[in-house]
């Protein structure tokens, strides 16, 4: 694994295996929304995926891991990217991918979040 020194530096490039894992998890499990004031990308998965969550936290600087939670027989972690980490790292990274061609429905949810919160690369 690698360690990112700033929001602008990363070993995740569009053609890398690591980038494929990140995008695949976001396509399959990602929630693109917010609280009405602040946008966020959230993954919530069973606690047995703790290793994946730790890896994601290392790959996306500024992202946060919450949990484990135990509610109604469910055991899960929640990984959240918001604020500077979302604006300056994750969105510019995702914009470099052919996501729209890979999975239009999840890409549309991502675009709706960006439109709702006025997020544009470089803004």
PDB file of N, CA and C in Angstrom:
ATOM      1  N   UNK A   1       0.834  -1.171   0.000  1.00  0.00           N
ATOM      2  CA  UNK A   1       0.000   0.000   0.000  1.00  0.00           C
ATOM      3  C   UNK A   1       0.879   1.235   0.000  1.00  0.00           C
ATOM      4  N   UNK A   2       0.274   2.366  -0.300  1.00  0.00           N
ATOM      5  CA  UNK A   2       1.023   3.608  -0.352  1.00  0.00           C
ATOM      6  C   UNK A   2       0.358   4.625   0.544  1.00  0.00           C
ATOM      7  N   UNK A   3       1.070   5.694   0.801  1.00  0.00           N
ATOM      8  CA  UNK A   3       0.522   6.763   1.622  1.00  0.00           C
ATOM      9  C   UNK A   3       0.518   8.045   0.801  1.00  0.00           C
ATOM     10  N   UNK A   4      -0.626   8.719   0.758  1.00  0.00           N
ATOM     11  CA  UNK A   4      -0.771   9.945   0.000  1.00  0.00           C
ATOM     12  C   UNK A   4      -0.320  11.110   0.874  1.00  0.00           C
ATOM     13  N   UNK A   5       0.497  11.996   0.318  1.00  0.00           N
ATOM     14  CA  UNK A   5       1.032  13.110   1.072  1.00  0.00           C
ATOM     15  C   UNK A   5       0.120  14.330   1.059  1.00  0.00           C
ATOM     16  N   UNK A   6      -0.679  14.503   0.028  1.00  0.00           N
ATOM     17  CA  UNK A   6      -1.597  15.635  -0.038  1.00  0.00           C
ATOM     18  C   UNK A   6      -2.785  15.242  -0.904  1.00  0.00           C
ATOM     19  N   UNK A   7      -3.795  16.124  -0.928  1.00  0.00           N
ATOM     20  CA  UNK A   7      -4.975  15.837  -1.736  1.00  0.00           C
ATOM     21  C   UNK A   7      -4.646  15.764  -3.214  1.00  0.00           C
ATOM     22  N   UNK A   8      -3.604  16.437  -3.658  1.00  0.00           N
ATOM     23  CA  UNK A   8      -3.264  16.453  -5.069  1.00  0.00           C
ATOM     24  C   UNK A   8      -2.391  15.303  -5.526  1.00  0.00           C
ATOM     25  N   UNK A   9      -1.796  14.568  -4.598  1.00  0.00           N
ATOM     26  CA  UNK A   9      -0.892  13.480  -4.956  1.00  0.00           C
ATOM     27  C   UNK A   9      -1.534  12.141  -4.638  1.00  0.00           C
ATOM     28  N   UNK A  10      -1.465  11.238  -5.590  1.00  0.00           N
ATOM     29  CA  UNK A  10      -2.009   9.908  -5.361  1.00  0.00           C
ATOM     30  C   UNK A  10      -1.389   8.914  -6.327  1.00  0.00           C
ATOM     31  N   UNK A  11      -1.320   7.667  -5.899  1.00  0.00           N
ATOM     32  CA  UNK A  11      -0.869   6.609  -6.786  1.00  0.00           C
ATOM     33  C   UNK A  11      -2.062   6.003  -7.519  1.00  0.00           C
ATOM     34  N   UNK A  12      -3.259   6.464  -7.185  1.00  0.00           N
ATOM     35  CA  UNK A  12      -4.449   5.989  -7.880  1.00  0.00           C
ATOM     36  C   UNK A  12      -4.520   6.696  -9.228  1.00  0.00           C
ATOM     37  N   UNK A  13      -4.290   5.954 -10.291  1.00  0.00           N
ATOM     38  CA  UNK A  13      -4.476   6.559 -11.592  1.00  0.00           C
ATOM     39  C   UNK A  13      -5.583   5.808 -12.318  1.00  0.00           C
ATOM     40  N   UNK A  14      -6.194   6.435 -13.326  1.00  0.00           N
ATOM     41  CA  UNK A  14      -7.378   5.857 -13.950  1.00  0.00           C
ATOM     42  C   UNK A  14      -7.246   4.414 -14.423  1.00  0.00           C
ATOM     43  N   UNK A  15      -6.068   3.982 -14.814  1.00  0.00           N
ATOM     44  CA  UNK A  15      -5.914   2.626 -15.305  1.00  0.00           C
ATOM     45  C   UNK A  15      -5.461   1.612 -14.274  1.00  0.00           C
ATOM     46  N   UNK A  16      -5.325   2.034 -13.023  1.00  0.00           N
ATOM     47  CA  UNK A  16      -4.777   1.136 -12.012  1.00  0.00           C
ATOM     48  C   UNK A  16      -5.813   0.166 -11.456  1.00  0.00           C
ATOM     49  N   UNK A  17      -5.321  -0.945 -10.973  1.00  0.00           N
ATOM     50  CA  UNK A  17      -6.180  -1.921 -10.301  1.00  0.00           C
ATOM     51  C   UNK A  17      -6.869  -1.271  -9.101  1.00  0.00           C
ATOM     52  N   UNK A  18      -6.117  -0.490  -8.325  1.00  0.00           N
ATOM     53  CA  UNK A  18      -6.666   0.157  -7.145  1.00  0.00           C
ATOM     54  C   UNK A  18      -7.822   1.081  -7.508  1.00  0.00           C
ATOM     55  N   UNK A  19      -7.686   1.812  -8.612  1.00  0.00           N
ATOM     56  CA  UNK A  19      -8.762   2.697  -9.047  1.00  0.00           C
ATOM     57  C   UNK A  19      -9.977   1.886  -9.451  1.00  0.00           C
ATOM     58  N   UNK A  20      -9.748   0.734 -10.069  1.00  0.00           N
ATOM     59  CA  UNK A  20     -10.858  -0.145 -10.435  1.00  0.00           C
ATOM     60  C   UNK A  20     -11.605  -0.652  -9.216  1.00  0.00           C
ATOM     61  N   UNK A  21     -10.866  -0.991  -8.170  1.00  0.00           N
ATOM     62  CA  UNK A  21     -11.510  -1.437  -6.926  1.00  0.00           C
ATOM     63  C   UNK A  21     -12.348  -0.309  -6.350  1.00  0.00           C
ATOM     64  N   UNK A  22     -11.764   0.889  -6.257  1.00  0.00           N
ATOM     65  CA  UNK A  22     -12.501   2.033  -5.704  1.00  0.00           C
ATOM     66  C   UNK A  22     -13.779   2.290  -6.490  1.00  0.00           C
ATOM     67  N   UNK A  23     -13.678   2.376  -7.810  1.00  0.00           N
ATOM     68  CA  UNK A  23     -14.859   2.639  -8.618  1.00  0.00           C
ATOM     69  C   UNK A  23     -15.866   1.500  -8.512  1.00  0.00           C
ATOM     70  N   UNK A  24     -15.399   0.271  -8.514  1.00  0.00           N
ATOM     71  CA  UNK A  24     -16.307  -0.870  -8.409  1.00  0.00           C
ATOM     72  C   UNK A  24     -17.105  -0.861  -7.120  1.00  0.00           C
ATOM     73  N   UNK A  25     -16.447  -0.535  -6.021  1.00  0.00           N
ATOM     74  CA  UNK A  25     -17.141  -0.465  -4.736  1.00  0.00           C
ATOM     75  C   UNK A  25     -18.142   0.686  -4.739  1.00  0.00           C
ATOM     76  N   UNK A  26     -17.756   1.822  -5.301  1.00  0.00           N
ATOM     77  CA  UNK A  26     -18.683   2.955  -5.361  1.00  0.00           C
ATOM     78  C   UNK A  26     -19.887   2.646  -6.245  1.00  0.00           C
ATOM     79  N   UNK A  27     -19.663   1.978  -7.370  1.00  0.00           N
ATOM     80  CA  UNK A  27     -20.769   1.611  -8.252  1.00  0.00           C
ATOM     81  C   UNK A  27     -21.727   0.658  -7.536  1.00  0.00           C
ATOM     82  N   UNK A  28     -21.169  -0.332  -6.854  1.00  0.00           N
ATOM     83  CA  UNK A  28     -22.008  -1.349  -6.229  1.00  0.00           C
ATOM     84  C   UNK A  28     -22.643  -0.963  -4.918  1.00  0.00           C
ATOM     85  N   UNK A  29     -21.948  -0.159  -4.120  1.00  0.00           N
ATOM     86  CA  UNK A  29     -22.410   0.111  -2.753  1.00  0.00           C
ATOM     87  C   UNK A  29     -22.512   1.587  -2.400  1.00  0.00           C
ATOM     88  N   UNK A  30     -22.063   2.471  -3.273  1.00  0.00           N
ATOM     89  CA  UNK A  30     -21.968   3.882  -2.923  1.00  0.00           C
ATOM     90  C   UNK A  30     -23.292   4.606  -2.849  1.00  0.00           C
ATOM     91  N   UNK A  31     -23.357   5.534  -1.906  1.00  0.00           N
ATOM     92  CA  UNK A  31     -24.484   6.462  -1.784  1.00  0.00           C
ATOM     93  C   UNK A  31     -23.925   7.852  -2.013  1.00  0.00           C
ATOM     94  N   UNK A  32     -24.551   8.607  -2.892  1.00  0.00           N
ATOM     95  CA  UNK A  32     -24.103   9.946  -3.249  1.00  0.00           C
ATOM     96  C   UNK A  32     -25.187  10.918  -2.820  1.00  0.00           C
ATOM     97  N   UNK A  33     -24.929  11.628  -1.736  1.00  0.00           N
ATOM     98  CA  UNK A  33     -25.957  12.516  -1.211  1.00  0.00           C
ATOM     99  C   UNK A  33     -25.360  13.543  -0.294  1.00  0.00           C
ATOM    100  N   UNK A  34     -26.038  13.764   0.813  1.00  0.00           N
ATOM    101  CA  UNK A  34     -25.595  14.748   1.779  1.00  0.00           C
ATOM    102  C   UNK A  34     -26.697  15.043   2.762  1.00  0.00           C
ATOM    103  N   UNK A  35     -26.472  16.061   3.565  1.00  0.00           N
ATOM    104  CA  UNK A  35     -27.425  16.409   4.612  1.00  0.00           C
ATOM    105  C   UNK A  35     -28.206  17.684   4.289  1.00  0.00           C
ATOM    106  N   UNK A  36     -28.156  18.139   3.047  1.00  0.00           N
ATOM    107  CA  UNK A  36     -28.819  19.370   2.655  1.00  0.00           C
ATOM    108  C   UNK A  36     -27.874  20.562   2.674  1.00  0.00           C
ATOM    109  N   UNK A  37     -26.826  20.480   3.466  1.00  0.00           N
ATOM    110  CA  UNK A  37     -25.832  21.553   3.548  1.00  0.00           C
ATOM    111  C   UNK A  37     -24.487  21.108   2.993  1.00  0.00           C
ATOM    112  N   UNK A  38     -24.156  19.847   3.217  1.00  0.00           N
ATOM    113  CA  UNK A  38     -22.837  19.333   2.871  1.00  0.00           C
ATOM    114  C   UNK A  38     -22.966  18.012   2.108  1.00  0.00           C
ATOM    115  N   UNK A  39     -22.337  17.923   0.920  1.00  0.00           N
ATOM    116  CA  UNK A  39     -22.390  16.667   0.163  1.00  0.00           C
ATOM    117  C   UNK A  39     -21.482  15.619   0.790  1.00  0.00           C
ATOM    118  N   UNK A  40     -21.807  14.360   0.521  1.00  0.00           N
ATOM    119  CA  UNK A  40     -20.927  13.286   0.973  1.00  0.00           C
ATOM    120  C   UNK A  40     -21.154  12.033   0.146  1.00  0.00           C
ATOM    121  N   UNK A  41     -20.090  11.234   0.089  1.00  0.00           N
ATOM    122  CA  UNK A  41     -20.143   9.906  -0.512  1.00  0.00           C
ATOM    123  C   UNK A  41     -20.010   8.932   0.647  1.00  0.00           C
ATOM    124  N   UNK A  42     -20.913   7.962   0.702  1.00  0.00           N
ATOM    125  CA  UNK A  42     -20.955   7.030   1.830  1.00  0.00           C
ATOM    126  C   UNK A  42     -20.980   5.593   1.335  1.00  0.00           C
ATOM    127  N   UNK A  43     -20.232   4.744   2.027  1.00  0.00           N
ATOM    128  CA  UNK A  43     -20.316   3.292   1.838  1.00  0.00           C
ATOM    129  C   UNK A  43     -20.674   2.692   3.184  1.00  0.00           C
ATOM    130  N   UNK A  44     -21.662   1.847   3.202  1.00  0.00           N
ATOM    131  CA  UNK A  44     -22.030   1.130   4.423  1.00  0.00           C
ATOM    132  C   UNK A  44     -22.066  -0.353   4.065  1.00  0.00           C
ATOM    133  N   UNK A  45     -21.221  -1.112   4.769  1.00  0.00           N
ATOM    134  CA  UNK A  45     -21.133  -2.540   4.494  1.00  0.00           C
ATOM    135  C   UNK A  45     -20.886  -3.305   5.783  1.00  0.00           C
ATOM    136  N   UNK A  46     -21.119  -4.593   5.725  1.00  0.00           N
ATOM    137  CA  UNK A  46     -20.948  -5.482   6.884  1.00  0.00           C
ATOM    138  C   UNK A  46     -19.547  -5.334   7.464  1.00  0.00           C
ATOM    139  N   UNK A  47     -19.453  -5.514   8.765  1.00  0.00           N
ATOM    140  CA  UNK A  47     -18.175  -5.344   9.459  1.00  0.00           C
ATOM    141  C   UNK A  47     -17.104  -6.342   8.992  1.00  0.00           C
ATOM    142  N   UNK A  48     -17.494  -7.415   8.343  1.00  0.00           N
ATOM    143  CA  UNK A  48     -16.487  -8.362   7.837  1.00  0.00           C
ATOM    144  C   UNK A  48     -15.634  -7.737   6.734  1.00  0.00           C
ATOM    145  N   UNK A  49     -16.056  -6.579   6.211  1.00  0.00           N
ATOM    146  CA  UNK A  49     -15.301  -5.870   5.174  1.00  0.00           C
ATOM    147  C   UNK A  49     -14.360  -4.820   5.771  1.00  0.00           C
ATOM    148  N   UNK A  50     -14.044  -4.962   7.044  1.00  0.00           N
ATOM    149  CA  UNK A  50     -13.196  -3.986   7.725  1.00  0.00           C
ATOM    150  C   UNK A  50     -11.876  -3.742   6.985  1.00  0.00           C
ATOM    151  N   UNK A  51     -11.247  -4.774   6.475  1.00  0.00           N
ATOM    152  CA  UNK A  51      -9.992  -4.621   5.737  1.00  0.00           C
ATOM    153  C   UNK A  51     -10.147  -3.715   4.521  1.00  0.00           C
ATOM    154  N   UNK A  52     -11.234  -3.885   3.793  1.00  0.00           N
ATOM    155  CA  UNK A  52     -11.507  -3.032   2.636  1.00  0.00           C
ATOM    156  C   UNK A  52     -11.681  -1.581   3.078  1.00  0.00           C
ATOM    157  N   UNK A  53     -12.405  -1.375   4.158  1.00  0.00           N
ATOM    158  CA  UNK A  53     -12.609  -0.012   4.661  1.00  0.00           C
ATOM    159  C   UNK A  53     -11.291   0.638   5.081  1.00  0.00           C
ATOM    160  N   UNK A  54     -10.437  -0.119   5.732  1.00  0.00           N
ATOM    161  CA  UNK A  54      -9.127   0.425   6.122  1.00  0.00           C
ATOM    162  C   UNK A  54      -8.328   0.796   4.878  1.00  0.00           C
ATOM    163  N   UNK A  55      -8.367  -0.050   3.872  1.00  0.00           N
ATOM    164  CA  UNK A  55      -7.677   0.226   2.610  1.00  0.00           C
ATOM    165  C   UNK A  55      -8.228   1.504   1.971  1.00  0.00           C
ATOM    166  N   UNK A  56      -9.555   1.640   1.918  1.00  0.00           N
ATOM    167  CA  UNK A  56     -10.165   2.837   1.339  1.00  0.00           C
ATOM    168  C   UNK A  56      -9.735   4.096   2.080  1.00  0.00           C
ATOM    169  N   UNK A  57      -9.679   4.004   3.393  1.00  0.00           N
ATOM    170  CA  UNK A  57      -9.281   5.150   4.202  1.00  0.00           C
ATOM    171  C   UNK A  57      -7.844   5.562   3.886  1.00  0.00           C
ATOM    172  N   UNK A  58      -6.990   4.586   3.598  1.00  0.00           N
ATOM    173  CA  UNK A  58      -5.610   4.892   3.210  1.00  0.00           C
ATOM    174  C   UNK A  58      -5.531   5.481   1.806  1.00  0.00           C
ATOM    175  N   UNK A  59      -6.383   5.016   0.914  1.00  0.00           N
ATOM    176  CA  UNK A  59      -6.330   5.461  -0.478  1.00  0.00           C
ATOM    177  C   UNK A  59      -6.920   6.846  -0.675  1.00  0.00           C
ATOM    178  N   UNK A  60      -7.907   7.200   0.126  1.00  0.00           N
ATOM    179  CA  UNK A  60      -8.606   8.480  -0.028  1.00  0.00           C
ATOM    180  C   UNK A  60      -8.316   9.334   1.199  1.00  0.00           C
ATOM    181  N   UNK A  61      -7.316  10.199   1.099  1.00  0.00           N
ATOM    182  CA  UNK A  61      -6.940  11.019   2.251  1.00  0.00           C
ATOM    183  C   UNK A  61      -8.096  11.912   2.684  1.00  0.00           C
ATOM    184  N   UNK A  62      -8.283  11.984   3.986  1.00  0.00           N
ATOM    185  CA  UNK A  62      -9.362  12.796   4.535  1.00  0.00           C
ATOM    186  C   UNK A  62     -10.669  12.052   4.693  1.00  0.00           C
ATOM    187  N   UNK A  63     -10.760  10.842   4.141  1.00  0.00           N
ATOM    188  CA  UNK A  63     -11.980  10.058   4.333  1.00  0.00           C
ATOM    189  C   UNK A  63     -11.995   9.531   5.764  1.00  0.00           C
ATOM    190  N   UNK A  64     -13.182   9.202   6.256  1.00  0.00           N
ATOM    191  CA  UNK A  64     -13.337   8.770   7.645  1.00  0.00           C
ATOM    192  C   UNK A  64     -14.063   7.429   7.707  1.00  0.00           C
ATOM    193  N   UNK A  65     -13.649   6.618   8.655  1.00  0.00           N
ATOM    194  CA  UNK A  65     -14.297   5.334   8.907  1.00  0.00           C
ATOM    195  C   UNK A  65     -14.999   5.408  10.253  1.00  0.00           C
ATOM    196  N   UNK A  66     -16.275   5.055  10.265  1.00  0.00           N
ATOM    197  CA  UNK A  66     -17.076   5.069  11.480  1.00  0.00           C
ATOM    198  C   UNK A  66     -17.575   3.666  11.777  1.00  0.00           C
ATOM    199  N   UNK A  67     -17.631   3.342  13.046  1.00  0.00           N
ATOM    200  CA  UNK A  67     -18.124   2.039  13.457  1.00  0.00           C
ATOM    201  C   UNK A  67     -17.053   1.268  14.189  1.00  0.00           C
ATOM    202  N   UNK A  68     -17.305   0.014  14.468  1.00  0.00           N
ATOM    203  CA  UNK A  68     -18.443  -0.767  13.970  1.00  0.00           C
ATOM    204  C   UNK A  68     -19.728  -0.416  14.708  1.00  0.00           C
ATOM    205  N   UNK A  69     -20.813  -0.544  13.979  1.00  0.00           N
ATOM    206  CA  UNK A  69     -22.144  -0.316  14.525  1.00  0.00           C
ATOM    207  C   UNK A  69     -22.872  -1.643  14.634  1.00  0.00           C
ATOM    208  N   UNK A  70     -23.762  -1.718  15.575  1.00  0.00           N
ATOM    209  CA  UNK A  70     -24.612  -2.886  15.816  1.00  0.00           C
ATOM    210  C   UNK A  70     -26.040  -2.386  15.975  1.00  0.00           C
ATOM    211  N   UNK A  71     -26.845  -2.524  14.937  1.00  0.00           N
ATOM    212  CA  UNK A  71     -28.242  -2.082  15.011  1.00  0.00           C
ATOM    213  C   UNK A  71     -29.154  -3.164  14.446  1.00  0.00           C
ATOM    214  N   UNK A  72     -30.091  -3.580  15.231  1.00  0.00           N
ATOM    215  CA  UNK A  72     -31.082  -4.547  14.754  1.00  0.00           C
ATOM    216  C   UNK A  72     -30.491  -5.799  14.158  1.00  0.00           C
ATOM    217  N   UNK A  73     -29.420  -6.299  14.748  1.00  0.00           N
ATOM    218  CA  UNK A  73     -28.798  -7.508  14.234  1.00  0.00           C
ATOM    219  C   UNK A  73     -27.843  -7.274  13.080  1.00  0.00           C
ATOM    220  N   UNK A  74     -27.699  -6.038  12.653  1.00  0.00           N
ATOM    221  CA  UNK A  74     -26.760  -5.698  11.581  1.00  0.00           C
ATOM    222  C   UNK A  74     -25.462  -5.205  12.188  1.00  0.00           C
ATOM    223  N   UNK A  75     -24.366  -5.638  11.620  1.00  0.00           N
ATOM    224  CA  UNK A  75     -23.035  -5.259  12.077  1.00  0.00           C
ATOM    225  C   UNK A  75     -22.328  -4.629  10.881  1.00  0.00           C
ATOM    226  N   UNK A  76     -22.035  -3.330  10.977  1.00  0.00           N
ATOM    227  CA  UNK A  76     -21.490  -2.654   9.808  1.00  0.00           C
ATOM    228  C   UNK A  76     -20.559  -1.505  10.171  1.00  0.00           C
ATOM    229  N   UNK A  77     -19.805  -1.093   9.151  1.00  0.00           N
ATOM    230  CA  UNK A  77     -18.980   0.104   9.188  1.00  0.00           C
ATOM    231  C   UNK A  77     -19.552   1.068   8.161  1.00  0.00           C
ATOM    232  N   UNK A  78     -19.200   2.312   8.347  1.00  0.00           N
ATOM    233  CA  UNK A  78     -19.595   3.344   7.403  1.00  0.00           C
ATOM    234  C   UNK A  78     -18.361   4.173   7.056  1.00  0.00           C
ATOM    235  N   UNK A  79     -18.073   4.286   5.776  1.00  0.00           N
ATOM    236  CA  UNK A  79     -16.948   5.072   5.276  1.00  0.00           C
ATOM    237  C   UNK A  79     -17.522   6.298   4.593  1.00  0.00           C
ATOM    238  N   UNK A  80     -17.032   7.486   4.968  1.00  0.00           N
ATOM    239  CA  UNK A  80     -17.600   8.731   4.459  1.00  0.00           C
ATOM    240  C   UNK A  80     -16.500   9.643   3.939  1.00  0.00           C
ATOM    241  N   UNK A  81     -16.782  10.238   2.777  1.00  0.00           N
ATOM    242  CA  UNK A  81     -15.907  11.253   2.199  1.00  0.00           C
ATOM    243  C   UNK A  81     -16.750  12.512   2.042  1.00  0.00           C
ATOM    244  N   UNK A  82     -16.287  13.607   2.681  1.00  0.00           N
ATOM    245  CA  UNK A  82     -16.993  14.880   2.577  1.00  0.00           C
ATOM    246  C   UNK A  82     -15.979  16.013   2.666  1.00  0.00           C
ATOM    247  N   UNK A  83     -16.461  17.222   2.529  1.00  0.00           N
ATOM    248  CA  UNK A  83     -15.609  18.395   2.687  1.00  0.00           C
ATOM    249  C   UNK A  83     -14.461  18.450   1.694  1.00  0.00           C
ATOM    250  N   UNK A  84     -13.301  18.867   2.205  1.00  0.00           N
ATOM    251  CA  UNK A  84     -12.120  19.040   1.371  1.00  0.00           C
ATOM    252  C   UNK A  84     -11.719  17.736   0.681  1.00  0.00           C
ATOM    253  N   UNK A  85     -11.825  16.617   1.389  1.00  0.00           N
ATOM    254  CA  UNK A  85     -11.460  15.320   0.798  1.00  0.00           C
ATOM    255  C   UNK A  85     -12.332  15.011  -0.421  1.00  0.00           C
ATOM    256  N   UNK A  86     -13.603  15.359  -0.354  1.00  0.00           N
ATOM    257  CA  UNK A  86     -14.513  15.114  -1.473  1.00  0.00           C
ATOM    258  C   UNK A  86     -14.215  16.081  -2.616  1.00  0.00           C
ATOM    259  N   UNK A  87     -14.137  17.360  -2.286  1.00  0.00           N
ATOM    260  CA  UNK A  87     -13.966  18.388  -3.320  1.00  0.00           C
ATOM    261  C   UNK A  87     -12.591  18.352  -3.994  1.00  0.00           C
ATOM    262  N   UNK A  88     -11.550  18.171  -3.193  1.00  0.00           N
ATOM    263  CA  UNK A  88     -10.201  18.313  -3.726  1.00  0.00           C
ATOM    264  C   UNK A  88      -9.525  16.998  -4.092  1.00  0.00           C
ATOM    265  N   UNK A  89     -10.092  15.896  -3.651  1.00  0.00           N
ATOM    266  CA  UNK A  89      -9.452  14.623  -3.957  1.00  0.00           C
ATOM    267  C   UNK A  89     -10.373  13.689  -4.736  1.00  0.00           C
ATOM    268  N   UNK A  90     -11.478  13.267  -4.124  1.00  0.00           N
ATOM    269  CA  UNK A  90     -12.286  12.207  -4.735  1.00  0.00           C
ATOM    270  C   UNK A  90     -12.965  12.640  -6.030  1.00  0.00           C
ATOM    271  N   UNK A  91     -13.606  13.796  -6.050  1.00  0.00           N
ATOM    272  CA  UNK A  91     -14.293  14.220  -7.273  1.00  0.00           C
ATOM    273  C   UNK A  91     -13.321  14.394  -8.436  1.00  0.00           C
ATOM    274  N   UNK A  92     -12.203  15.109  -8.268  1.00  0.00           N
ATOM    275  CA  UNK A  92     -11.273  15.215  -9.404  1.00  0.00           C
ATOM    276  C   UNK A  92     -10.761  13.851  -9.882  1.00  0.00           C
ATOM    277  N   UNK A  93     -10.577  12.933  -8.948  1.00  0.00           N
ATOM    278  CA  UNK A  93     -10.130  11.593  -9.301  1.00  0.00           C
ATOM    279  C   UNK A  93     -11.197  10.855 -10.114  1.00  0.00           C
ATOM    280  N   UNK A  94     -12.435  10.909  -9.650  1.00  0.00           N
ATOM    281  CA  UNK A  94     -13.529  10.217 -10.341  1.00  0.00           C
ATOM    282  C   UNK A  94     -13.820  10.821 -11.712  1.00  0.00           C
ATOM    283  N   UNK A  95     -13.593  12.114 -11.844  1.00  0.00           N
ATOM    284  CA  UNK A  95     -13.846  12.777 -13.129  1.00  0.00           C
ATOM    285  C   UNK A  95     -12.924  12.278 -14.236  1.00  0.00           C
ATOM    286  N   UNK A  96     -11.845  11.636 -13.873  1.00  0.00           N
ATOM    287  CA  UNK A  96     -10.880  11.142 -14.865  1.00  0.00           C
ATOM    288  C   UNK A  96     -11.243   9.753 -15.398  1.00  0.00           C
ATOM    289  N   UNK A  97     -12.344   9.185 -14.929  1.00  0.00           N
ATOM    290  CA  UNK A  97     -12.713   7.809 -15.285  1.00  0.00           C
ATOM    291  C   UNK A  97     -13.858   7.758 -16.290  1.00  0.00           C
ATOM    292  N   UNK A  98     -13.947   6.672 -17.045  1.00  0.00           N
ATOM    293  CA  UNK A  98     -15.057   6.498 -17.986  1.00  0.00           C
ATOM    294  C   UNK A  98     -16.294   5.910 -17.303  1.00  0.00           C
ATOM    295  N   UNK A  99     -16.616   6.413 -16.128  1.00  0.00           N
ATOM    296  CA  UNK A  99     -17.699   5.894 -15.300  1.00  0.00           C
ATOM    297  C   UNK A  99     -19.044   5.900 -16.030  1.00  0.00           C
ATOM    298  N   UNK A 100     -19.342   6.976 -16.737  1.00  0.00           N
ATOM    299  CA  UNK A 100     -20.643   7.085 -17.418  1.00  0.00           C
ATOM    300  C   UNK A 100     -20.865   5.927 -18.386  1.00  0.00           C
ATOM    301  N   UNK A 101     -19.809   5.458 -19.025  1.00  0.00           N
ATOM    302  CA  UNK A 101     -19.941   4.358 -19.973  1.00  0.00           C
ATOM    303  C   UNK A 101     -20.017   3.006 -19.266  1.00  0.00           C
ATOM    304  N   UNK A 102     -19.431   2.920 -18.082  1.00  0.00           N
ATOM    305  CA  UNK A 102     -19.396   1.654 -17.356  1.00  0.00           C
ATOM    306  C   UNK A 102     -20.720   1.360 -16.668  1.00  0.00           C
ATOM    307  N   UNK A 103     -21.280   2.370 -15.970  1.00  0.00           N
ATOM    308  CA  UNK A 103     -22.523   2.157 -15.230  1.00  0.00           C
ATOM    309  C   UNK A 103     -23.332   3.454 -15.153  1.00  0.00           C
ATOM    310  N   UNK A 104     -24.117   3.737 -16.190  1.00  0.00           N
ATOM    311  CA  UNK A 104     -24.880   4.995 -16.223  1.00  0.00           C
ATOM    312  C   UNK A 104     -25.766   5.255 -14.996  1.00  0.00           C
ATOM    313  N   UNK A 105     -26.453   4.256 -14.416  1.00  0.00           N
ATOM    314  CA  UNK A 105     -27.313   4.579 -13.263  1.00  0.00           C
ATOM    315  C   UNK A 105     -26.555   5.130 -12.048  1.00  0.00           C
ATOM    316  N   UNK A 106     -25.437   4.517 -11.688  1.00  0.00           N
ATOM    317  CA  UNK A 106     -24.685   5.031 -10.535  1.00  0.00           C
ATOM    318  C   UNK A 106     -24.017   6.361 -10.884  1.00  0.00           C
ATOM    319  N   UNK A 107     -23.581   6.495 -12.121  1.00  0.00           N
ATOM    320  CA  UNK A 107     -22.981   7.762 -12.542  1.00  0.00           C
ATOM    321  C   UNK A 107     -24.005   8.894 -12.454  1.00  0.00           C
ATOM    322  N   UNK A 108     -25.240   8.596 -12.791  1.00  0.00           N
ATOM    323  CA  UNK A 108     -26.309   9.601 -12.716  1.00  0.00           C
ATOM    324  C   UNK A 108     -26.538  10.045 -11.264  1.00  0.00           C
ATOM    325  N   UNK A 109     -26.497   9.108 -10.325  1.00  0.00           N
ATOM    326  CA  UNK A 109     -26.649   9.476  -8.906  1.00  0.00           C
ATOM    327  C   UNK A 109     -25.508  10.389  -8.469  1.00  0.00           C
ATOM    328  N   UNK A 110     -24.312  10.089  -8.917  1.00  0.00           N
ATOM    329  CA  UNK A 110     -23.144  10.914  -8.629  1.00  0.00           C
ATOM    330  C   UNK A 110     -23.327  12.318  -9.221  1.00  0.00           C
ATOM    331  N   UNK A 111     -23.761  12.403 -10.474  1.00  0.00           N
ATOM    332  CA  UNK A 111     -23.978  13.697 -11.138  1.00  0.00           C
ATOM    333  C   UNK A 111     -25.070  14.500 -10.426  1.00  0.00           C
ATOM    334  N   UNK A 112     -26.113  13.824  -9.970  1.00  0.00           N
ATOM    335  CA  UNK A 112     -27.187  14.517  -9.249  1.00  0.00           C
ATOM    336  C   UNK A 112     -26.669  15.118  -7.948  1.00  0.00           C
ATOM    337  N   UNK A 113     -25.808  14.391  -7.237  1.00  0.00           N
ATOM    338  CA  UNK A 113     -25.208  14.939  -6.023  1.00  0.00           C
ATOM    339  C   UNK A 113     -24.392  16.185  -6.364  1.00  0.00           C
ATOM    340  N   UNK A 114     -23.586  16.092  -7.407  1.00  0.00           N
ATOM    341  CA  UNK A 114     -22.762  17.237  -7.797  1.00  0.00           C
ATOM    342  C   UNK A 114     -23.632  18.443  -8.158  1.00  0.00           C
ATOM    343  N   UNK A 115     -24.697  18.222  -8.882  1.00  0.00           N
ATOM    344  CA  UNK A 115     -25.582  19.325  -9.270  1.00  0.00           C
ATOM    345  C   UNK A 115     -26.277  19.916  -8.036  1.00  0.00           C
ATOM    346  N   UNK A 116     -26.773  19.084  -7.160  1.00  0.00           N
ATOM    347  CA  UNK A 116     -27.493  19.527  -5.962  1.00  0.00           C
ATOM    348  C   UNK A 116     -26.627  20.399  -5.078  1.00  0.00           C
ATOM    349  N   UNK A 117     -25.339  20.082  -5.005  1.00  0.00           N
ATOM    350  CA  UNK A 117     -24.439  20.801  -4.104  1.00  0.00           C
ATOM    351  C   UNK A 117     -23.474  21.748  -4.820  1.00  0.00           C
ATOM    352  N   UNK A 118     -23.676  21.948  -6.113  1.00  0.00           N
ATOM    353  CA  UNK A 118     -22.842  22.883  -6.852  1.00  0.00           C
ATOM    354  C   UNK A 118     -21.376  22.502  -6.922  1.00  0.00           C
ATOM    355  N   UNK A 119     -21.123  21.213  -7.049  1.00  0.00           N
ATOM    356  CA  UNK A 119     -19.746  20.715  -7.092  1.00  0.00           C
ATOM    357  C   UNK A 119     -19.258  20.605  -8.531  1.00  0.00           C
ATOM    358  N   UNK A 120     -18.200  21.282  -8.802  1.00  0.00           N
ATOM    359  CA  UNK A 120     -17.571  21.161 -10.106  1.00  0.00           C
ATOM    360  C   UNK A 120     -16.088  21.054  -9.879  1.00  0.00           C
ATOM    361  N   UNK A 121     -15.405  20.316 -10.733  1.00  0.00           N
ATOM    362  CA  UNK A 121     -13.957  20.172 -10.614  1.00  0.00           C
ATOM    363  C   UNK A 121     -13.331  21.554 -10.719  1.00  0.00           C
ATOM    364  N   UNK A 122     -12.445  21.853  -9.760  1.00  0.00           N
ATOM    365  CA  UNK A 122     -11.752  23.127  -9.762  1.00  0.00           C
ATOM    366  C   UNK A 122     -12.509  24.263  -9.095  1.00  0.00           C
ATOM    367  N   UNK A 123     -13.713  24.002  -8.593  1.00  0.00           N
ATOM    368  CA  UNK A 123     -14.463  25.101  -7.947  1.00  0.00           C
ATOM    369  C   UNK A 123     -14.226  25.121  -6.465  1.00  0.00           C
TER     370      UNK A 123
END
